[in-house]
Amino acid sequence: MLNLPSKIESVEVLEDLLSTPSEVLVDYVSELEGDIMILGAGGKVGPSMAMMAQRACKTAGKGRRVIAVDVAPLEKLTKFGIETIQCDLLDLDAVKMLPDCENIVYMAGRKFGSTGSEWLTWAVNVMVPHNVAQKFIKSKVAVFSTGCVYPVVDVSSGGSVETDKPNPIGEYAMSSLGRERVFDYYSAEKGEKVVQIRLNYALELRYGVLVDIAAKVFKGEPVDVTTGFMNGIWQGDCCDQVLRSFDLATSPSSILNITGPELLSVRWIANRFGKLFDKKVKIASQENGRGYLSNATKANSIFGNPSVSIGRIIEWTADWVQKGGKNIGKSTHFETQDGKY
């Protein structure tokens, strides 16, 4: 059980908490066959994923390798003791040179900046999966996808479930479904074991939907509640669940929604931040009752509820924003319903 602080005082404390493996994960890793490779480890979630895998393997004491791969250098992960490889995943010959590995977390992808350079988004989201899937046919692959492949749904639906048909809006979401379909092909036709992880949304203190809402309330800016409902999960819980999902990889591929168990009101979240900041909240527009909402009943039945509650994350976020904590400076655009990022 995690020992959760009332406040998070520094980036170092934050990263330690984000990468702390659960006892269940340590036990799972101790029984896992083979090494773990994180592809696309330099993104927002990748470093937490790689560090958590490393800590779990070290605690389990099995001498398992954790390998982090990205197009950019990964000095921070190297210093953490993780084996790192710099590789352009768009280069098929370079991908073929990567070491074989039994367990793959695939995290490479492109979202922001898609509008205006759609070709690059499609190349990263579809061509790279082809290269990787072709290389790792004998592996178990947990593929990061997105709940945006589902249609925008009414809040009364309870959120999209894994058996719902995708209906992506916009080129980012369409290319994300393309990524899934490439892995589906290699899974169905070549026997690769794959689980598609549809995530909505990973939350931490430097980035995420809660940070976006908190920053607006703190600055006295209006919060648009047209997209009035959301899902979210602490990034550490997301990493923990993904690293415990290798045995869910199947041929043909399977699908797993990962998010928190609640459907959350954006208006309620904004008002909660207003109370914590002692600031008046400005609300723009009215809820249209729709959004990208995922139902994680399946994942929660397998892994249990997240270890960090939304209420705790909101309190951490409020304190972090109020004291000027580090922010990576990218909006999530969670309110977007037209698929343009």
C-alpha atoms as a PDB file:
ATOM      1  CA  MET A   1       0.000   0.000   0.000  1.00  0.00           C
ATOM      2  CA  LEU A   2       1.422   3.395  -0.986  1.00  0.00           C
ATOM      3  CA  ASN A   3       2.174   5.859   1.802  1.00  0.00           C
ATOM      4  CA  LEU A   4       0.553   8.955   0.328  1.00  0.00           C
ATOM      5  CA  PRO A   5       1.708  12.414   1.458  1.00  0.00           C
ATOM      6  CA  SER A   6      -0.705  15.284   2.023  1.00  0.00           C
ATOM      7  CA  LYS A   7       1.360  17.426  -0.361  1.00  0.00           C
ATOM      8  CA  ILE A   8       4.029  16.767  -2.972  1.00  0.00           C
ATOM      9  CA  GLU A   9       6.929  19.100  -2.306  1.00  0.00           C
ATOM     10  CA  SER A  10       9.203  18.634  -5.323  1.00  0.00           C
ATOM     11  CA  VAL A  11       9.631  17.085  -8.763  1.00  0.00           C
ATOM     12  CA  GLU A  12      11.875  14.458  -7.176  1.00  0.00           C
ATOM     13  CA  VAL A  13       9.153  13.426  -4.723  1.00  0.00           C
ATOM     14  CA  LEU A  14       6.590  13.445  -7.547  1.00  0.00           C
ATOM     15  CA  GLU A  15       8.690  11.221  -9.802  1.00  0.00           C
ATOM     16  CA  ASP A  16       9.422   8.854  -6.945  1.00  0.00           C
ATOM     17  CA  LEU A  17       5.711   8.501  -6.233  1.00  0.00           C
ATOM     18  CA  LEU A  18       4.818   8.095  -9.924  1.00  0.00           C
ATOM     19  CA  SER A  19       7.324   5.264 -10.312  1.00  0.00           C
ATOM     20  CA  THR A  20       6.712   3.366  -7.065  1.00  0.00           C
ATOM     21  CA  PRO A  21       5.543  -0.163  -7.938  1.00  0.00           C
ATOM     22  CA  SER A  22       2.788  -1.830  -5.952  1.00  0.00           C
ATOM     23  CA  GLU A  23       3.498  -5.035  -4.076  1.00  0.00           C
ATOM     24  CA  VAL A  24       1.172  -6.766  -6.527  1.00  0.00           C
ATOM     25  CA  LEU A  25       3.277  -5.569  -9.462  1.00  0.00           C
ATOM     26  CA  VAL A  26       6.482  -6.765  -7.791  1.00  0.00           C
ATOM     27  CA  ASP A  27       4.904 -10.194  -7.314  1.00  0.00           C
ATOM     28  CA  TYR A  28       3.673 -10.184 -10.914  1.00  0.00           C
ATOM     29  CA  VAL A  29       7.113  -9.284 -12.277  1.00  0.00           C
ATOM     30  CA  SER A  30       8.722 -11.993 -10.173  1.00  0.00           C
ATOM     31  CA  GLU A  31       6.668 -14.577 -12.091  1.00  0.00           C
ATOM     32  CA  LEU A  32       6.958 -12.892 -15.507  1.00  0.00           C
ATOM     33  CA  GLU A  33       9.020 -14.681 -18.119  1.00  0.00           C
ATOM     34  CA  GLY A  34      11.516 -12.547 -20.013  1.00  0.00           C
ATOM     35  CA  ASP A  35      12.687  -8.938 -20.078  1.00  0.00           C
ATOM     36  CA  ILE A  36      10.679  -5.709 -20.536  1.00  0.00           C
ATOM     37  CA  MET A  37      11.192  -3.119 -23.274  1.00  0.00           C
ATOM     38  CA  ILE A  38       9.513   0.321 -23.291  1.00  0.00           C
ATOM     39  CA  LEU A  39       9.265   1.732 -26.829  1.00  0.00           C
ATOM     40  CA  GLY A  40       8.717   5.490 -26.935  1.00  0.00           C
ATOM     41  CA  ALA A  41      10.011   5.924 -23.398  1.00  0.00           C
ATOM     42  CA  GLY A  42      10.750   9.633 -23.738  1.00  0.00           C
ATOM     43  CA  GLY A  43       7.169  10.920 -23.691  1.00  0.00           C
ATOM     44  CA  LYS A  44       4.996  12.202 -20.853  1.00  0.00           C
ATOM     45  CA  VAL A  45       4.282   8.786 -19.339  1.00  0.00           C
ATOM     46  CA  GLY A  46       7.284   6.820 -20.634  1.00  0.00           C
ATOM     47  CA  PRO A  47       9.858   7.772 -17.980  1.00  0.00           C
ATOM     48  CA  SER A  48       7.459   6.825 -15.151  1.00  0.00           C
ATOM     49  CA  MET A  49       6.730   3.529 -16.890  1.00  0.00           C
ATOM     50  CA  ALA A  50      10.409   2.672 -17.369  1.00  0.00           C
ATOM     51  CA  MET A  51      11.402   3.643 -13.824  1.00  0.00           C
ATOM     52  CA  MET A  52       8.507   1.707 -12.309  1.00  0.00           C
ATOM     53  CA  ALA A  53       9.429  -1.378 -14.344  1.00  0.00           C
ATOM     54  CA  GLN A  54      13.050  -1.063 -13.225  1.00  0.00           C
ATOM     55  CA  ARG A  55      12.111  -0.676  -9.567  1.00  0.00           C
ATOM     56  CA  ALA A  56       9.685  -3.604  -9.717  1.00  0.00           C
ATOM     57  CA  CYS A  57      12.260  -5.878 -11.345  1.00  0.00           C
ATOM     58  CA  LYS A  58      14.977  -4.840  -8.894  1.00  0.00           C
ATOM     59  CA  THR A  59      12.701  -5.438  -5.897  1.00  0.00           C
ATOM     60  CA  ALA A  60      11.642  -8.801  -7.316  1.00  0.00           C
ATOM     61  CA  GLY A  61      15.314  -9.739  -7.504  1.00  0.00           C
ATOM     62  CA  LYS A  62      15.109 -11.667 -10.759  1.00  0.00           C
ATOM     63  CA  GLY A  63      17.866  -9.857 -12.673  1.00  0.00           C
ATOM     64  CA  ARG A  64      15.412  -8.960 -15.412  1.00  0.00           C
ATOM     65  CA  ARG A  65      16.449  -6.353 -17.991  1.00  0.00           C
ATOM     66  CA  VAL A  66      14.424  -3.199 -18.519  1.00  0.00           C
ATOM     67  CA  ILE A  67      15.241  -1.536 -21.838  1.00  0.00           C
ATOM     68  CA  ALA A  68      14.012   1.966 -22.728  1.00  0.00           C
ATOM     69  CA  VAL A  69      13.959   3.041 -26.388  1.00  0.00           C
ATOM     70  CA  ASP A  70      13.324   6.466 -27.908  1.00  0.00           C
ATOM     71  CA  VAL A  71      14.425   8.595 -30.841  1.00  0.00           C
ATOM     72  CA  ALA A  72      15.961  11.106 -28.395  1.00  0.00           C
ATOM     73  CA  PRO A  73      18.682  10.391 -25.835  1.00  0.00           C
ATOM     74  CA  LEU A  74      17.421   9.122 -22.483  1.00  0.00           C
ATOM     75  CA  GLU A  75      20.193  10.293 -20.140  1.00  0.00           C
ATOM     76  CA  LYS A  76      17.843  10.558 -17.153  1.00  0.00           C
ATOM     77  CA  LEU A  77      16.819   6.916 -17.474  1.00  0.00           C
ATOM     78  CA  THR A  78      20.421   5.858 -18.040  1.00  0.00           C
ATOM     79  CA  LYS A  79      21.372   7.531 -14.749  1.00  0.00           C
ATOM     80  CA  PHE A  80      18.529   5.620 -13.119  1.00  0.00           C
ATOM     81  CA  GLY A  81      20.243   2.395 -14.129  1.00  0.00           C
ATOM     82  CA  ILE A  82      17.989   1.527 -17.050  1.00  0.00           C
ATOM     83  CA  GLU A  83      19.485   0.185 -20.274  1.00  0.00           C
ATOM     84  CA  THR A  84      18.682   2.760 -22.963  1.00  0.00           C
ATOM     85  CA  ILE A  85      18.794   2.653 -26.763  1.00  0.00           C
ATOM     86  CA  GLN A  86      18.431   5.602 -29.128  1.00  0.00           C
ATOM     87  CA  CYS A  87      16.479   4.477 -32.189  1.00  0.00           C
ATOM     88  CA  ASP A  88      14.378   6.130 -34.892  1.00  0.00           C
ATOM     89  CA  LEU A  89      11.366   3.826 -34.930  1.00  0.00           C
ATOM     90  CA  LEU A  90      10.420   5.111 -38.402  1.00  0.00           C
ATOM     91  CA  ASP A  91      13.584   3.428 -39.683  1.00  0.00           C
ATOM     92  CA  LEU A  92      12.712  -0.237 -40.267  1.00  0.00           C
ATOM     93  CA  ASP A  93      16.353  -1.277 -40.509  1.00  0.00           C
ATOM     94  CA  ALA A  94      17.093   0.384 -37.158  1.00  0.00           C
ATOM     95  CA  VAL A  95      14.086  -1.310 -35.546  1.00  0.00           C
ATOM     96  CA  LYS A  96      15.280  -4.686 -36.830  1.00  0.00           C
ATOM     97  CA  MET A  97      18.543  -4.120 -34.927  1.00  0.00           C
ATOM     98  CA  LEU A  98      16.782  -3.801 -31.564  1.00  0.00           C
ATOM     99  CA  PRO A  99      17.319  -6.783 -29.253  1.00  0.00           C
ATOM    100  CA  ASP A 100      14.570  -9.361 -29.032  1.00  0.00           C
ATOM    101  CA  CYS A 101      12.426  -8.969 -25.932  1.00  0.00           C
ATOM    102  CA  GLU A 102       9.528 -10.999 -24.579  1.00  0.00           C
ATOM    103  CA  ASN A 103       7.444  -8.147 -23.111  1.00  0.00           C
ATOM    104  CA  ILE A 104       6.901  -4.855 -24.937  1.00  0.00           C
ATOM    105  CA  VAL A 105       5.141  -1.687 -23.802  1.00  0.00           C
ATOM    106  CA  TYR A 106       4.513   0.286 -26.983  1.00  0.00           C
ATOM    107  CA  MET A 107       4.141   4.013 -26.224  1.00  0.00           C
ATOM    108  CA  ALA A 108       5.258   5.779 -29.417  1.00  0.00           C
ATOM    109  CA  GLY A 109       2.673   8.136 -30.867  1.00  0.00           C
ATOM    110  CA  ARG A 110       1.867  11.657 -32.037  1.00  0.00           C
ATOM    111  CA  LYS A 111      -1.114  13.802 -31.087  1.00  0.00           C
ATOM    112  CA  PHE A 112      -0.376  17.490 -30.613  1.00  0.00           C
ATOM    113  CA  GLY A 113       0.408  19.422 -33.765  1.00  0.00           C
ATOM    114  CA  SER A 114      -1.525  16.955 -35.904  1.00  0.00           C
ATOM    115  CA  THR A 115      -3.582  19.690 -37.543  1.00  0.00           C
ATOM    116  CA  GLY A 116      -1.453  21.043 -40.382  1.00  0.00           C
ATOM    117  CA  SER A 117       1.015  18.164 -40.513  1.00  0.00           C
ATOM    118  CA  GLU A 118      -1.321  15.220 -40.697  1.00  0.00           C
ATOM    119  CA  TRP A 119       1.115  13.172 -42.770  1.00  0.00           C
ATOM    120  CA  LEU A 120       3.618  13.087 -39.925  1.00  0.00           C
ATOM    121  CA  THR A 121       0.936  11.997 -37.453  1.00  0.00           C
ATOM    122  CA  TRP A 122      -0.058   9.139 -39.758  1.00  0.00           C
ATOM    123  CA  ALA A 123       3.571   8.133 -40.280  1.00  0.00           C
ATOM    124  CA  VAL A 124       4.273   7.978 -36.537  1.00  0.00           C
ATOM    125  CA  ASN A 125       0.945   6.393 -35.617  1.00  0.00           C
ATOM    126  CA  VAL A 126       0.772   3.813 -38.423  1.00  0.00           C
ATOM    127  CA  MET A 127       4.178   3.239 -40.041  1.00  0.00           C
ATOM    128  CA  VAL A 128       6.025   2.881 -36.733  1.00  0.00           C
ATOM    129  CA  PRO A 129       3.552   0.235 -35.477  1.00  0.00           C
ATOM    130  CA  HIS A 130       4.197  -1.730 -38.678  1.00  0.00           C
ATOM    131  CA  ASN A 131       7.945  -1.657 -38.053  1.00  0.00           C
ATOM    132  CA  VAL A 132       7.580  -2.656 -34.413  1.00  0.00           C
ATOM    133  CA  ALA A 133       4.929  -5.325 -34.926  1.00  0.00           C
ATOM    134  CA  GLN A 134       6.996  -6.932 -37.672  1.00  0.00           C
ATOM    135  CA  LYS A 135      10.066  -7.044 -35.424  1.00  0.00           C
ATOM    136  CA  PHE A 136       8.382  -8.348 -32.256  1.00  0.00           C
ATOM    137  CA  ILE A 137       6.017 -11.012 -33.639  1.00  0.00           C
ATOM    138  CA  LYS A 138       6.970 -13.456 -30.859  1.00  0.00           C
ATOM    139  CA  SER A 139       6.475 -10.926 -28.044  1.00  0.00           C
ATOM    140  CA  LYS A 140       3.615  -9.927 -25.783  1.00  0.00           C
ATOM    141  CA  VAL A 141       2.815  -6.303 -26.634  1.00  0.00           C
ATOM    142  CA  ALA A 142       0.816  -3.825 -24.544  1.00  0.00           C
ATOM    143  CA  VAL A 143      -0.032  -1.073 -27.049  1.00  0.00           C
ATOM    144  CA  PHE A 144      -0.863   2.408 -25.800  1.00  0.00           C
ATOM    145  CA  SER A 145      -3.933   3.651 -27.627  1.00  0.00           C
ATOM    146  CA  THR A 146      -6.572   6.204 -26.718  1.00  0.00           C
ATOM    147  CA  GLY A 147     -10.239   6.415 -25.796  1.00  0.00           C
ATOM    148  CA  CYS A 148     -10.522   8.881 -28.686  1.00  0.00           C
ATOM    149  CA  VAL A 149     -11.000   5.935 -31.051  1.00  0.00           C
ATOM    150  CA  TYR A 150     -14.470   5.640 -29.510  1.00  0.00           C
ATOM    151  CA  PRO A 151     -17.177   8.089 -30.538  1.00  0.00           C
ATOM    152  CA  VAL A 152     -18.107  11.034 -28.356  1.00  0.00           C
ATOM    153  CA  VAL A 153     -20.836   9.600 -26.118  1.00  0.00           C
ATOM    154  CA  ASP A 154     -23.611  10.792 -23.853  1.00  0.00           C
ATOM    155  CA  VAL A 155     -22.787  10.817 -20.154  1.00  0.00           C
ATOM    156  CA  SER A 156     -25.861   8.685 -19.487  1.00  0.00           C
ATOM    157  CA  SER A 157     -24.180   5.822 -21.390  1.00  0.00           C
ATOM    158  CA  GLY A 158     -21.700   5.298 -18.558  1.00  0.00           C
ATOM    159  CA  GLY A 159     -18.844   5.519 -21.047  1.00  0.00           C
ATOM    160  CA  SER A 160     -17.671   3.340 -23.917  1.00  0.00           C
ATOM    161  CA  VAL A 161     -16.837  -0.291 -23.198  1.00  0.00           C
ATOM    162  CA  GLU A 162     -14.329  -2.493 -24.983  1.00  0.00           C
ATOM    163  CA  THR A 163     -16.958  -4.156 -27.165  1.00  0.00           C
ATOM    164  CA  ASP A 164     -18.246  -0.847 -28.555  1.00  0.00           C
ATOM    165  CA  LYS A 165     -17.387  -0.170 -32.182  1.00  0.00           C
ATOM    166  CA  PRO A 166     -14.813   2.588 -32.746  1.00  0.00           C
ATOM    167  CA  ASN A 167     -15.856   5.722 -34.596  1.00  0.00           C
ATOM    168  CA  PRO A 168     -12.856   8.074 -34.529  1.00  0.00           C
ATOM    169  CA  ILE A 169     -13.287  11.783 -35.194  1.00  0.00           C
ATOM    170  CA  GLY A 170     -10.385  13.665 -36.794  1.00  0.00           C
ATOM    171  CA  GLU A 171      -7.038  12.550 -38.146  1.00  0.00           C
ATOM    172  CA  TYR A 172      -5.345  11.961 -34.795  1.00  0.00           C
ATOM    173  CA  ALA A 173      -8.087   9.585 -33.670  1.00  0.00           C
ATOM    174  CA  MET A 174      -8.294   7.931 -37.091  1.00  0.00           C
ATOM    175  CA  SER A 175      -4.532   7.364 -37.173  1.00  0.00           C
ATOM    176  CA  SER A 176      -4.718   5.990 -33.615  1.00  0.00           C
ATOM    177  CA  LEU A 177      -7.239   3.420 -34.819  1.00  0.00           C
ATOM    178  CA  GLY A 178      -4.829   2.790 -37.701  1.00  0.00           C
ATOM    179  CA  ARG A 179      -2.138   1.981 -35.132  1.00  0.00           C
ATOM    180  CA  GLU A 180      -4.463  -0.515 -33.485  1.00  0.00           C
ATOM    181  CA  ARG A 181      -5.365  -2.095 -36.816  1.00  0.00           C
ATOM    182  CA  VAL A 182      -1.720  -2.657 -37.754  1.00  0.00           C
ATOM    183  CA  PHE A 183      -1.133  -4.510 -34.488  1.00  0.00           C
ATOM    184  CA  ASP A 184      -4.474  -6.313 -35.008  1.00  0.00           C
ATOM    185  CA  TYR A 185      -3.187  -7.583 -38.356  1.00  0.00           C
ATOM    186  CA  TYR A 186       0.042  -8.972 -36.935  1.00  0.00           C
ATOM    187  CA  SER A 187      -1.874 -10.452 -34.021  1.00  0.00           C
ATOM    188  CA  ALA A 188      -4.586 -12.135 -36.117  1.00  0.00           C
ATOM    189  CA  GLU A 189      -2.404 -13.183 -39.069  1.00  0.00           C
ATOM    190  CA  LYS A 190       1.034 -13.741 -37.525  1.00  0.00           C
ATOM    191  CA  GLY A 191       0.201 -14.849 -33.990  1.00  0.00           C
ATOM    192  CA  GLU A 192       1.600 -11.822 -32.164  1.00  0.00           C
ATOM    193  CA  LYS A 193       0.032 -11.445 -28.713  1.00  0.00           C
ATOM    194  CA  VAL A 194      -1.390  -7.940 -28.271  1.00  0.00           C
ATOM    195  CA  VAL A 195      -3.509  -5.994 -25.798  1.00  0.00           C
ATOM    196  CA  GLN A 196      -4.704  -2.565 -26.934  1.00  0.00           C
ATOM    197  CA  ILE A 197      -4.668  -0.142 -23.981  1.00  0.00           C
ATOM    198  CA  ARG A 198      -7.265   2.584 -24.512  1.00  0.00           C
ATOM    199  CA  LEU A 199      -6.385   5.311 -22.008  1.00  0.00           C
ATOM    200  CA  ASN A 200      -8.470   8.283 -20.830  1.00  0.00           C
ATOM    201  CA  TYR A 201      -6.570  10.213 -19.210  1.00  0.00           C
ATOM    202  CA  ALA A 202      -3.303   9.851 -17.252  1.00  0.00           C
ATOM    203  CA  LEU A 203      -3.069  12.475 -14.478  1.00  0.00           C
ATOM    204  CA  GLU A 204      -0.031  13.953 -12.741  1.00  0.00           C
ATOM    205  CA  LEU A 205       0.910  17.399 -11.437  1.00  0.00           C
ATOM    206  CA  ARG A 206       2.924  18.793 -14.370  1.00  0.00           C
ATOM    207  CA  TYR A 207       0.391  17.929 -17.073  1.00  0.00           C
ATOM    208  CA  GLY A 208      -3.150  16.676 -17.487  1.00  0.00           C
ATOM    209  CA  VAL A 209      -6.807  17.625 -17.496  1.00  0.00           C
ATOM    210  CA  LEU A 210      -6.823  18.542 -13.803  1.00  0.00           C
ATOM    211  CA  VAL A 211      -3.798  20.805 -14.298  1.00  0.00           C
ATOM    212  CA  ASP A 212      -5.585  22.546 -17.185  1.00  0.00           C
ATOM    213  CA  ILE A 213      -8.690  23.190 -15.095  1.00  0.00           C
ATOM    214  CA  ALA A 214      -6.720  24.217 -11.988  1.00  0.00           C
ATOM    215  CA  ALA A 215      -4.585  26.695 -13.944  1.00  0.00           C
ATOM    216  CA  LYS A 216      -7.656  28.415 -15.381  1.00  0.00           C
ATOM    217  CA  VAL A 217      -9.338  28.719 -12.000  1.00  0.00           C
ATOM    218  CA  PHE A 218      -6.143  29.988 -10.352  1.00  0.00           C
ATOM    219  CA  LYS A 219      -5.644  32.639 -13.070  1.00  0.00           C
ATOM    220  CA  GLY A 220      -9.283  33.710 -12.974  1.00  0.00           C
ATOM    221  CA  GLU A 221      -9.908  32.476 -16.505  1.00  0.00           C
ATOM    222  CA  PRO A 222     -13.236  30.917 -17.526  1.00  0.00           C
ATOM    223  CA  VAL A 223     -13.523  27.133 -17.578  1.00  0.00           C
ATOM    224  CA  ASP A 224     -15.367  25.847 -20.646  1.00  0.00           C
ATOM    225  CA  VAL A 225     -17.752  23.099 -19.518  1.00  0.00           C
ATOM    226  CA  THR A 226     -19.239  22.275 -22.923  1.00  0.00           C
ATOM    227  CA  THR A 227     -17.399  18.966 -22.614  1.00  0.00           C
ATOM    228  CA  GLY A 228     -18.670  18.663 -19.091  1.00  0.00           C
ATOM    229  CA  PHE A 229     -17.505  15.208 -18.056  1.00  0.00           C
ATOM    230  CA  MET A 230     -14.221  13.298 -18.067  1.00  0.00           C
ATOM    231  CA  ASN A 231     -12.349  10.236 -16.842  1.00  0.00           C
ATOM    232  CA  GLY A 232      -8.920  10.192 -15.269  1.00  0.00           C
ATOM    233  CA  ILE A 233      -6.421   7.980 -13.484  1.00  0.00           C
ATOM    234  CA  TRP A 234      -3.253   8.735 -11.528  1.00  0.00           C
ATOM    235  CA  GLN A 235      -0.328   8.170 -13.868  1.00  0.00           C
ATOM    236  CA  GLY A 236       1.363   5.827 -11.403  1.00  0.00           C
ATOM    237  CA  ASP A 237      -1.757   3.630 -11.309  1.00  0.00           C
ATOM    238  CA  CYS A 238      -1.869   3.665 -15.100  1.00  0.00           C
ATOM    239  CA  CYS A 239       1.740   2.457 -15.316  1.00  0.00           C
ATOM    240  CA  ASP A 240       1.156  -0.203 -12.675  1.00  0.00           C
ATOM    241  CA  GLN A 241      -1.861  -1.600 -14.522  1.00  0.00           C
ATOM    242  CA  VAL A 242      -0.154  -1.598 -17.920  1.00  0.00           C
ATOM    243  CA  LEU A 243       2.878  -3.436 -16.548  1.00  0.00           C
ATOM    244  CA  ARG A 244       0.517  -6.071 -15.146  1.00  0.00           C
ATOM    245  CA  SER A 245      -1.289  -6.505 -18.475  1.00  0.00           C
ATOM    246  CA  PHE A 246       1.184  -8.650 -20.466  1.00  0.00           C
ATOM    247  CA  ASP A 247      -0.770 -11.819 -19.721  1.00  0.00           C
ATOM    248  CA  LEU A 248      -3.874 -10.138 -21.181  1.00  0.00           C
ATOM    249  CA  ALA A 249      -2.172  -9.965 -24.592  1.00  0.00           C
ATOM    250  CA  THR A 250      -3.834 -12.429 -26.956  1.00  0.00           C
ATOM    251  CA  SER A 251      -3.958 -13.522 -30.570  1.00  0.00           C
ATOM    252  CA  PRO A 252      -6.224 -12.148 -32.002  1.00  0.00           C
ATOM    253  CA  SER A 253      -5.687  -8.986 -29.979  1.00  0.00           C
ATOM    254  CA  SER A 254      -7.711  -7.913 -26.950  1.00  0.00           C
ATOM    255  CA  ILE A 255      -8.783  -4.449 -25.765  1.00  0.00           C
ATOM    256  CA  LEU A 256      -8.578  -2.926 -22.289  1.00  0.00           C
ATOM    257  CA  ASN A 257      -9.871   0.477 -21.195  1.00  0.00           C
ATOM    258  CA  ILE A 258      -7.694   2.011 -18.487  1.00  0.00           C
ATOM    259  CA  THR A 259      -9.015   4.962 -16.514  1.00  0.00           C
ATOM    260  CA  GLY A 260     -10.563   5.719 -13.144  1.00  0.00           C
ATOM    261  CA  PRO A 261     -13.938   4.253 -12.151  1.00  0.00           C
ATOM    262  CA  GLU A 262     -15.768   7.602 -11.990  1.00  0.00           C
ATOM    263  CA  LEU A 263     -17.394   9.862 -14.550  1.00  0.00           C
ATOM    264  CA  LEU A 264     -16.259  13.261 -13.297  1.00  0.00           C
ATOM    265  CA  SER A 265     -18.010  16.611 -13.672  1.00  0.00           C
ATOM    266  CA  VAL A 266     -15.734  19.363 -15.004  1.00  0.00           C
ATOM    267  CA  ARG A 267     -17.934  21.963 -13.308  1.00  0.00           C
ATOM    268  CA  TRP A 268     -17.598  20.155  -9.952  1.00  0.00           C
ATOM    269  CA  ILE A 269     -13.817  19.900 -10.370  1.00  0.00           C
ATOM    270  CA  ALA A 270     -13.557  23.617 -11.189  1.00  0.00           C
ATOM    271  CA  ASN A 271     -15.642  24.534  -8.139  1.00  0.00           C
ATOM    272  CA  ARG A 272     -13.524  22.260  -5.953  1.00  0.00           C
ATOM    273  CA  PHE A 273     -10.393  24.055  -7.126  1.00  0.00           C
ATOM    274  CA  GLY A 274     -12.147  27.350  -6.457  1.00  0.00           C
ATOM    275  CA  LYS A 275     -12.666  26.358  -2.817  1.00  0.00           C
ATOM    276  CA  LEU A 276      -9.075  25.169  -2.451  1.00  0.00           C
ATOM    277  CA  PHE A 277      -7.754  28.410  -3.984  1.00  0.00           C
ATOM    278  CA  ASP A 278     -10.394  30.594  -2.280  1.00  0.00           C
ATOM    279  CA  LYS A 279     -11.179  32.044  -5.697  1.00  0.00           C
ATOM    280  CA  LYS A 280     -14.419  32.670  -7.540  1.00  0.00           C
ATOM    281  CA  VAL A 281     -14.847  30.262 -10.438  1.00  0.00           C
ATOM    282  CA  LYS A 282     -15.823  31.533 -13.869  1.00  0.00           C
ATOM    283  CA  ILE A 283     -17.804  29.011 -15.900  1.00  0.00           C
ATOM    284  CA  ALA A 284     -18.204  29.382 -19.659  1.00  0.00           C
ATOM    285  CA  SER A 285     -21.027  27.817 -21.717  1.00  0.00           C
ATOM    286  CA  GLN A 286     -23.201  24.889 -20.678  1.00  0.00           C
ATOM    287  CA  GLU A 287     -22.603  21.150 -20.636  1.00  0.00           C
ATOM    288  CA  ASN A 288     -23.762  19.383 -23.796  1.00  0.00           C
ATOM    289  CA  GLY A 289     -23.787  16.062 -21.924  1.00  0.00           C
ATOM    290  CA  ARG A 290     -21.217  14.453 -24.210  1.00  0.00           C
ATOM    291  CA  GLY A 291     -17.514  13.641 -24.192  1.00  0.00           C
ATOM    292  CA  TYR A 292     -14.796  11.056 -24.670  1.00  0.00           C
ATOM    293  CA  LEU A 293     -15.806   8.793 -21.817  1.00  0.00           C
ATOM    294  CA  SER A 294     -14.523   5.280 -21.184  1.00  0.00           C
ATOM    295  CA  ASN A 295     -15.873   2.608 -18.878  1.00  0.00           C
ATOM    296  CA  ALA A 296     -13.044   0.806 -17.052  1.00  0.00           C
ATOM    297  CA  THR A 297     -15.140  -1.825 -15.271  1.00  0.00           C
ATOM    298  CA  LYS A 298     -13.145  -4.606 -16.943  1.00  0.00           C
ATOM    299  CA  ALA A 299      -9.756  -3.227 -15.834  1.00  0.00           C
ATOM    300  CA  ASN A 300     -10.990  -2.413 -12.344  1.00  0.00           C
ATOM    301  CA  SER A 301     -12.311  -5.962 -11.965  1.00  0.00           C
ATOM    302  CA  ILE A 302      -8.845  -7.275 -12.859  1.00  0.00           C
ATOM    303  CA  PHE A 303      -6.594  -4.797 -11.057  1.00  0.00           C
ATOM    304  CA  GLY A 304      -8.872  -3.286  -8.417  1.00  0.00           C
ATOM    305  CA  ASN A 305      -9.572   0.406  -8.012  1.00  0.00           C
ATOM    306  CA  PRO A 306      -6.683   2.890  -8.375  1.00  0.00           C
ATOM    307  CA  SER A 307      -4.534   3.442  -5.299  1.00  0.00           C
ATOM    308  CA  VAL A 308      -4.762   7.248  -5.542  1.00  0.00           C
ATOM    309  CA  SER A 309      -8.229   8.814  -5.494  1.00  0.00           C
ATOM    310  CA  ILE A 310      -9.328  11.704  -7.676  1.00  0.00           C
ATOM    311  CA  GLY A 311      -9.946  13.777  -4.536  1.00  0.00           C
ATOM    312  CA  ARG A 312      -6.333  13.307  -3.454  1.00  0.00           C
ATOM    313  CA  ILE A 313      -5.014  14.197  -6.929  1.00  0.00           C
ATOM    314  CA  ILE A 314      -7.125  17.370  -6.958  1.00  0.00           C
ATOM    315  CA  GLU A 315      -5.688  18.430  -3.584  1.00  0.00           C
ATOM    316  CA  TRP A 316      -2.124  17.698  -4.742  1.00  0.00           C
ATOM    317  CA  THR A 317      -2.731  19.599  -7.991  1.00  0.00           C
ATOM    318  CA  ALA A 318      -4.160  22.633  -6.217  1.00  0.00           C
ATOM    319  CA  ASP A 319      -1.151  22.873  -3.917  1.00  0.00           C
ATOM    320  CA  TRP A 320       1.258  22.328  -6.826  1.00  0.00           C
ATOM    321  CA  VAL A 321      -0.325  25.009  -9.026  1.00  0.00           C
ATOM    322  CA  GLN A 322      -0.629  27.467  -6.127  1.00  0.00           C
ATOM    323  CA  LYS A 323       3.073  27.266  -5.299  1.00  0.00           C
ATOM    324  CA  GLY A 324       4.168  27.506  -8.936  1.00  0.00           C
ATOM    325  CA  GLY A 325       5.260  23.891  -9.412  1.00  0.00           C
ATOM    326  CA  LYS A 326       6.798  22.800 -12.698  1.00  0.00           C
ATOM    327  CA  ASN A 327       4.426  22.566 -15.681  1.00  0.00           C
ATOM    328  CA  ILE A 328       5.456  21.073 -19.030  1.00  0.00           C
ATOM    329  CA  GLY A 329       3.386  23.730 -20.780  1.00  0.00           C
ATOM    330  CA  LYS A 330       1.115  21.606 -22.959  1.00  0.00           C
ATOM    331  CA  SER A 331      -2.650  21.765 -22.776  1.00  0.00           C
ATOM    332  CA  THR A 332      -4.509  18.469 -23.114  1.00  0.00           C
ATOM    333  CA  HIS A 333      -7.342  20.023 -25.182  1.00  0.00           C
ATOM    334  CA  PHE A 334      -9.652  17.638 -23.316  1.00  0.00           C
ATOM    335  CA  GLU A 335     -12.615  19.852 -24.213  1.00  0.00           C
ATOM    336  CA  THR A 336     -12.091  19.122 -27.917  1.00  0.00           C
ATOM    337  CA  GLN A 337     -14.900  17.145 -29.574  1.00  0.00           C
ATOM    338  CA  ASP A 338     -14.040  17.834 -33.220  1.00  0.00           C
ATOM    339  CA  GLY A 339     -10.848  15.756 -33.264  1.00  0.00           C
ATOM    340  CA  LYS A 340      -8.522  18.688 -34.021  1.00  0.00           C
ATOM    341  CA  TYR A 341      -5.332  18.845 -31.898  1.00  0.00           C
END
